[in-house]
Amino acid sequence: MPAFNSVGVIELSSIGVGYQAQDEMLKAASVELLIARTICSGKYLIVVGGAVSDVEAAMAVGLHAAEEAVIDHLTVANVHESVFPALGQSVTIPDDAAGALGVIETFSGTSVLAAADAAAKAARVTLFRIHVAMALGGKGLCLMTGSVADVRAGVEAGAAEARRRGLLVSEIVIPRPSRELLQEYL
């Protein structure tokens, strides 16, 4: 778990404006740059972490700098600790520990982080992959495992958050996924 508990995300329609907003965010507050890159569909994504007040300050500056280029944004004051490893795709699950598979797909990389956080807070699930817009046409994808009941509860909570944001593509629960389906991730 990183030494911070807050995360801020800005998804932009302009790469150049993204560079400018990122620079201003990093100069405005003591935040750690977690992700800053171009993403599919010619967008730019900035993810910062830090103390709540620092992330809020950086986000305010970034949103002001970006103005009309903002597609989506998110600040989570107490992000669930399992979001960071899944975002870094560093979670491994032993073959015998895989349970039901939950999938939440969103129209933006930002909204999938909101969905993943909501899912992890709502149920005893293991988030094992959060894909943010790369090779997905700008979409977001969250994969989780656990008992069927927990995965259903996690997917339901995460999907509700994405739906509230108007960005839900799909919500899927597979009670007993085939080994071949999960092989790439285990």
C-alpha atoms as a PDB file:
ATOM      1  CA  MET A   1       0.000   0.000   0.000  1.00  0.00           C
ATOM      2  CA  PRO A   2       1.393   3.400  -0.950  1.00  0.00           C
ATOM      3  CA  ALA A   3       2.002   5.952   1.799  1.00  0.00           C
ATOM      4  CA  PHE A   4      -1.084   7.871   0.708  1.00  0.00           C
ATOM      5  CA  ASN A   5      -4.793   7.200   0.730  1.00  0.00           C
ATOM      6  CA  SER A   6      -6.217   9.522  -1.892  1.00  0.00           C
ATOM      7  CA  VAL A   7      -6.238   9.402  -5.663  1.00  0.00           C
ATOM      8  CA  GLY A   8      -7.187  11.943  -8.315  1.00  0.00           C
ATOM      9  CA  VAL A   9      -7.791  11.268 -12.003  1.00  0.00           C
ATOM     10  CA  ILE A  10      -8.305  13.594 -14.946  1.00  0.00           C
ATOM     11  CA  GLU A  11      -9.062  12.289 -18.442  1.00  0.00           C
ATOM     12  CA  LEU A  12      -8.577  14.853 -21.209  1.00  0.00           C
ATOM     13  CA  SER A  13      -9.415  15.180 -24.883  1.00  0.00           C
ATOM     14  CA  SER A  14      -6.138  17.008 -25.602  1.00  0.00           C
ATOM     15  CA  ILE A  15      -2.630  15.660 -25.129  1.00  0.00           C
ATOM     16  CA  GLY A  16      -1.034  19.115 -25.086  1.00  0.00           C
ATOM     17  CA  VAL A  17      -3.495  20.385 -22.506  1.00  0.00           C
ATOM     18  CA  GLY A  18      -2.787  17.192 -20.571  1.00  0.00           C
ATOM     19  CA  TYR A  19       0.914  18.039 -20.390  1.00  0.00           C
ATOM     20  CA  GLN A  20       0.100  21.542 -19.179  1.00  0.00           C
ATOM     21  CA  ALA A  21      -2.431  20.367 -16.569  1.00  0.00           C
ATOM     22  CA  GLN A  22      -0.046  17.683 -15.319  1.00  0.00           C
ATOM     23  CA  ASP A  23       2.774  20.191 -14.901  1.00  0.00           C
ATOM     24  CA  GLU A  24       0.558  22.594 -12.979  1.00  0.00           C
ATOM     25  CA  MET A  25      -0.819  19.790 -10.766  1.00  0.00           C
ATOM     26  CA  LEU A  26       2.661  18.600  -9.814  1.00  0.00           C
ATOM     27  CA  LYS A  27       3.809  22.136  -9.018  1.00  0.00           C
ATOM     28  CA  ALA A  28       0.678  22.926  -6.971  1.00  0.00           C
ATOM     29  CA  ALA A  29       0.808  20.156  -4.377  1.00  0.00           C
ATOM     30  CA  SER A  30       2.870  17.316  -2.977  1.00  0.00           C
ATOM     31  CA  VAL A  31       1.368  14.479  -5.014  1.00  0.00           C
ATOM     32  CA  GLU A  32       2.909  11.410  -6.607  1.00  0.00           C
ATOM     33  CA  LEU A  33       2.372  10.907 -10.331  1.00  0.00           C
ATOM     34  CA  LEU A  34       0.988   7.385 -10.716  1.00  0.00           C
ATOM     35  CA  ILE A  35       0.034   7.463 -14.403  1.00  0.00           C
ATOM     36  CA  ALA A  36       0.510  10.127 -17.049  1.00  0.00           C
ATOM     37  CA  ARG A  37       0.191   8.991 -20.635  1.00  0.00           C
ATOM     38  CA  THR A  38      -1.636   9.151 -23.876  1.00  0.00           C
ATOM     39  CA  ILE A  39      -4.469   6.668 -24.083  1.00  0.00           C
ATOM     40  CA  CYS A  40      -6.613   5.299 -26.867  1.00  0.00           C
ATOM     41  CA  SER A  41      -8.717   7.647 -28.936  1.00  0.00           C
ATOM     42  CA  GLY A  42      -6.086  10.399 -28.672  1.00  0.00           C
ATOM     43  CA  LYS A  43      -6.805  11.217 -25.031  1.00  0.00           C
ATOM     44  CA  TYR A  44      -4.482  11.937 -22.094  1.00  0.00           C
ATOM     45  CA  LEU A  45      -4.840  10.456 -18.617  1.00  0.00           C
ATOM     46  CA  ILE A  46      -3.355  11.808 -15.374  1.00  0.00           C
ATOM     47  CA  VAL A  47      -3.544   9.851 -12.103  1.00  0.00           C
ATOM     48  CA  VAL A  48      -2.024  11.288  -8.922  1.00  0.00           C
ATOM     49  CA  GLY A  49      -1.910  10.004  -5.365  1.00  0.00           C
ATOM     50  CA  GLY A  50      -1.188  11.660  -2.043  1.00  0.00           C
ATOM     51  CA  ALA A  51      -2.740  13.017   1.093  1.00  0.00           C
ATOM     52  CA  VAL A  52      -6.370  14.054   0.683  1.00  0.00           C
ATOM     53  CA  SER A  53      -5.679  17.806   0.855  1.00  0.00           C
ATOM     54  CA  ASP A  54      -2.790  17.578  -1.617  1.00  0.00           C
ATOM     55  CA  VAL A  55      -4.791  15.552  -4.135  1.00  0.00           C
ATOM     56  CA  GLU A  56      -7.741  17.923  -3.831  1.00  0.00           C
ATOM     57  CA  ALA A  57      -5.451  20.931  -4.391  1.00  0.00           C
ATOM     58  CA  ALA A  58      -3.747  19.322  -7.397  1.00  0.00           C
ATOM     59  CA  MET A  59      -7.094  18.333  -8.900  1.00  0.00           C
ATOM     60  CA  ALA A  60      -8.509  21.849  -8.535  1.00  0.00           C
ATOM     61  CA  VAL A  61      -5.481  23.292 -10.333  1.00  0.00           C
ATOM     62  CA  GLY A  62      -5.550  20.587 -13.022  1.00  0.00           C
ATOM     63  CA  LEU A  63      -9.245  20.995 -13.727  1.00  0.00           C
ATOM     64  CA  HIS A  64      -8.850  24.766 -13.948  1.00  0.00           C
ATOM     65  CA  ALA A  65      -5.881  24.423 -16.336  1.00  0.00           C
ATOM     66  CA  ALA A  66      -7.683  21.896 -18.529  1.00  0.00           C
ATOM     67  CA  GLU A  67     -11.042  23.702 -18.776  1.00  0.00           C
ATOM     68  CA  GLU A  68     -13.018  22.390 -21.794  1.00  0.00           C
ATOM     69  CA  ALA A  69     -10.581  19.526 -22.464  1.00  0.00           C
ATOM     70  CA  VAL A  70     -11.833  17.583 -19.411  1.00  0.00           C
ATOM     71  CA  ILE A  71     -13.734  14.445 -20.416  1.00  0.00           C
ATOM     72  CA  ASP A  72     -14.034  12.894 -16.975  1.00  0.00           C
ATOM     73  CA  HIS A  73     -12.476  13.350 -13.543  1.00  0.00           C
ATOM     74  CA  LEU A  74     -12.523  11.708 -10.140  1.00  0.00           C
ATOM     75  CA  THR A  75     -11.202  12.278  -6.638  1.00  0.00           C
ATOM     76  CA  VAL A  76     -11.422   9.467  -4.076  1.00  0.00           C
ATOM     77  CA  ALA A  77     -10.433  10.591  -0.588  1.00  0.00           C
ATOM     78  CA  ASN A  78     -10.045   7.137   0.941  1.00  0.00           C
ATOM     79  CA  VAL A  79      -9.383   4.836  -1.984  1.00  0.00           C
ATOM     80  CA  HIS A  80      -9.538   1.120  -1.189  1.00  0.00           C
ATOM     81  CA  GLU A  81      -6.043  -0.317  -0.768  1.00  0.00           C
ATOM     82  CA  SER A  82      -6.606  -3.041  -3.376  1.00  0.00           C
ATOM     83  CA  VAL A  83      -7.072  -0.535  -6.213  1.00  0.00           C
ATOM     84  CA  PHE A  84      -3.361   0.313  -6.510  1.00  0.00           C
ATOM     85  CA  PRO A  85      -2.014  -3.246  -6.989  1.00  0.00           C
ATOM     86  CA  ALA A  86      -4.784  -4.057  -9.491  1.00  0.00           C
ATOM     87  CA  LEU A  87      -4.078  -0.845 -11.395  1.00  0.00           C
ATOM     88  CA  GLY A  88      -0.412  -1.821 -11.526  1.00  0.00           C
ATOM     89  CA  GLN A  89      -1.489  -5.306 -12.655  1.00  0.00           C
ATOM     90  CA  SER A  90       0.701  -6.806  -9.956  1.00  0.00           C
ATOM     91  CA  VAL A  91      -1.917  -9.085  -8.380  1.00  0.00           C
ATOM     92  CA  THR A  92      -1.431 -12.813  -8.848  1.00  0.00           C
ATOM     93  CA  ILE A  93      -4.010 -15.394  -7.896  1.00  0.00           C
ATOM     94  CA  PRO A  94      -3.066 -19.051  -7.418  1.00  0.00           C
ATOM     95  CA  ASP A  95      -4.975 -21.423  -9.713  1.00  0.00           C
ATOM     96  CA  ASP A  96      -6.804 -22.964  -6.775  1.00  0.00           C
ATOM     97  CA  ALA A  97      -7.844 -19.592  -5.311  1.00  0.00           C
ATOM     98  CA  ALA A  98      -9.800 -18.309  -8.305  1.00  0.00           C
ATOM     99  CA  GLY A  99     -13.522 -18.070  -7.676  1.00  0.00           C
ATOM    100  CA  ALA A 100     -16.276 -16.390  -9.599  1.00  0.00           C
ATOM    101  CA  LEU A 101     -15.207 -13.789 -12.166  1.00  0.00           C
ATOM    102  CA  GLY A 102     -16.657 -10.292 -12.079  1.00  0.00           C
ATOM    103  CA  VAL A 103     -16.223  -7.840 -14.932  1.00  0.00           C
ATOM    104  CA  ILE A 104     -17.121  -4.167 -15.050  1.00  0.00           C
ATOM    105  CA  GLU A 105     -16.607  -2.349 -18.356  1.00  0.00           C
ATOM    106  CA  THR A 106     -16.903   1.429 -18.644  1.00  0.00           C
ATOM    107  CA  PHE A 107     -16.733   4.049 -21.377  1.00  0.00           C
ATOM    108  CA  SER A 108     -13.798   5.832 -19.708  1.00  0.00           C
ATOM    109  CA  GLY A 109     -10.656   4.945 -17.820  1.00  0.00           C
ATOM    110  CA  THR A 110     -11.594   7.330 -15.045  1.00  0.00           C
ATOM    111  CA  SER A 111     -14.990   5.777 -14.404  1.00  0.00           C
ATOM    112  CA  VAL A 112     -13.527   2.275 -14.076  1.00  0.00           C
ATOM    113  CA  LEU A 113     -11.400   3.481 -11.154  1.00  0.00           C
ATOM    114  CA  ALA A 114     -14.536   4.791  -9.443  1.00  0.00           C
ATOM    115  CA  ALA A 115     -16.262   1.457 -10.121  1.00  0.00           C
ATOM    116  CA  ALA A 116     -13.310  -0.602  -8.834  1.00  0.00           C
ATOM    117  CA  ASP A 117     -13.124   1.415  -5.623  1.00  0.00           C
ATOM    118  CA  ALA A 118     -16.872   0.995  -5.038  1.00  0.00           C
ATOM    119  CA  ALA A 119     -16.688  -2.756  -5.722  1.00  0.00           C
ATOM    120  CA  ALA A 120     -13.783  -3.303  -3.324  1.00  0.00           C
ATOM    121  CA  LYS A 121     -15.496  -1.319  -0.573  1.00  0.00           C
ATOM    122  CA  ALA A 122     -18.815  -3.131  -1.000  1.00  0.00           C
ATOM    123  CA  ALA A 123     -17.710  -6.770  -0.943  1.00  0.00           C
ATOM    124  CA  ARG A 124     -14.907  -9.186  -0.100  1.00  0.00           C
ATOM    125  CA  VAL A 125     -13.532  -9.397  -3.618  1.00  0.00           C
ATOM    126  CA  THR A 126      -9.998  -9.496  -4.934  1.00  0.00           C
ATOM    127  CA  LEU A 127      -9.446  -6.900  -7.631  1.00  0.00           C
ATOM    128  CA  PHE A 128      -6.815  -8.408  -9.876  1.00  0.00           C
ATOM    129  CA  ARG A 129      -6.808  -6.240 -12.987  1.00  0.00           C
ATOM    130  CA  ILE A 130      -7.819  -2.680 -13.754  1.00  0.00           C
ATOM    131  CA  HIS A 131      -7.208  -1.782 -17.387  1.00  0.00           C
ATOM    132  CA  VAL A 132      -7.333   1.954 -18.019  1.00  0.00           C
ATOM    133  CA  ALA A 133      -8.065   2.781 -21.644  1.00  0.00           C
ATOM    134  CA  MET A 134      -4.969   1.185 -23.255  1.00  0.00           C
ATOM    135  CA  ALA A 135      -5.818  -1.196 -26.098  1.00  0.00           C
ATOM    136  CA  LEU A 136      -9.482  -0.799 -25.197  1.00  0.00           C
ATOM    137  CA  GLY A 137     -10.539   2.100 -27.394  1.00  0.00           C
ATOM    138  CA  GLY A 138     -10.492   4.401 -24.379  1.00  0.00           C
ATOM    139  CA  LYS A 139     -12.674   2.156 -22.212  1.00  0.00           C
ATOM    140  CA  GLY A 140     -11.974   0.878 -18.706  1.00  0.00           C
ATOM    141  CA  LEU A 141     -12.096  -2.725 -17.524  1.00  0.00           C
ATOM    142  CA  CYS A 142     -12.051  -4.096 -13.965  1.00  0.00           C
ATOM    143  CA  LEU A 143     -11.692  -7.806 -13.176  1.00  0.00           C
ATOM    144  CA  MET A 144     -12.343  -9.290  -9.737  1.00  0.00           C
ATOM    145  CA  THR A 145     -12.718 -12.688  -8.114  1.00  0.00           C
ATOM    146  CA  GLY A 146     -14.176 -14.132  -4.941  1.00  0.00           C
ATOM    147  CA  SER A 147     -17.244 -16.069  -3.861  1.00  0.00           C
ATOM    148  CA  VAL A 148     -20.237 -15.834  -6.178  1.00  0.00           C
ATOM    149  CA  ALA A 149     -22.165 -13.758  -3.623  1.00  0.00           C
ATOM    150  CA  ASP A 150     -19.277 -11.359  -3.026  1.00  0.00           C
ATOM    151  CA  VAL A 151     -18.525 -10.956  -6.729  1.00  0.00           C
ATOM    152  CA  ARG A 152     -22.205 -10.255  -7.425  1.00  0.00           C
ATOM    153  CA  ALA A 153     -22.238  -7.635  -4.653  1.00  0.00           C
ATOM    154  CA  GLY A 154     -18.969  -6.075  -5.845  1.00  0.00           C
ATOM    155  CA  VAL A 155     -20.035  -5.950  -9.488  1.00  0.00           C
ATOM    156  CA  GLU A 156     -23.422  -4.532  -8.519  1.00  0.00           C
ATOM    157  CA  ALA A 157     -21.830  -1.741  -6.442  1.00  0.00           C
ATOM    158  CA  GLY A 158     -19.191  -0.925  -9.046  1.00  0.00           C
ATOM    159  CA  ALA A 159     -21.691  -0.979 -11.889  1.00  0.00           C
ATOM    160  CA  ALA A 160     -24.005   1.311  -9.925  1.00  0.00           C
ATOM    161  CA  GLU A 161     -21.187   3.849  -9.600  1.00  0.00           C
ATOM    162  CA  ALA A 162     -20.382   3.683 -13.335  1.00  0.00           C
ATOM    163  CA  ARG A 163     -24.098   3.881 -14.171  1.00  0.00           C
ATOM    164  CA  ARG A 164     -24.472   6.929 -11.890  1.00  0.00           C
ATOM    165  CA  ARG A 165     -21.709   8.565 -13.910  1.00  0.00           C
ATOM    166  CA  GLY A 166     -23.509   7.582 -17.165  1.00  0.00           C
ATOM    167  CA  LEU A 167     -20.548   5.469 -18.319  1.00  0.00           C
ATOM    168  CA  LEU A 168     -21.419   1.791 -17.767  1.00  0.00           C
ATOM    169  CA  VAL A 169     -20.887  -0.526 -20.742  1.00  0.00           C
ATOM    170  CA  SER A 170     -21.377  -3.932 -19.099  1.00  0.00           C
ATOM    171  CA  GLU A 171     -21.487  -5.783 -15.795  1.00  0.00           C
ATOM    172  CA  ILE A 172     -20.829  -9.523 -15.873  1.00  0.00           C
ATOM    173  CA  VAL A 173     -20.614 -12.263 -13.229  1.00  0.00           C
ATOM    174  CA  ILE A 174     -19.400 -15.709 -14.276  1.00  0.00           C
ATOM    175  CA  PRO A 175     -19.919 -18.095 -11.337  1.00  0.00           C
ATOM    176  CA  ARG A 176     -17.496 -20.808 -12.503  1.00  0.00           C
ATOM    177  CA  PRO A 177     -15.179 -19.456 -15.196  1.00  0.00           C
ATOM    178  CA  SER A 178     -13.236 -21.981 -17.228  1.00  0.00           C
ATOM    179  CA  ARG A 179      -9.553 -22.284 -16.409  1.00  0.00           C
ATOM    180  CA  GLU A 180      -8.734 -21.226 -19.982  1.00  0.00           C
ATOM    181  CA  LEU A 181     -10.654 -17.969 -19.560  1.00  0.00           C
ATOM    182  CA  LEU A 182      -8.575 -16.972 -16.567  1.00  0.00           C
ATOM    183  CA  GLN A 183      -5.259 -18.443 -17.723  1.00  0.00           C
ATOM    184  CA  GLU A 184      -3.937 -15.098 -18.994  1.00  0.00           C
ATOM    185  CA  TYR A 185      -4.464 -13.498 -15.588  1.00  0.00           C
ATOM    186  CA  LEU A 186      -3.534 -16.194 -13.044  1.00  0.00           C
END
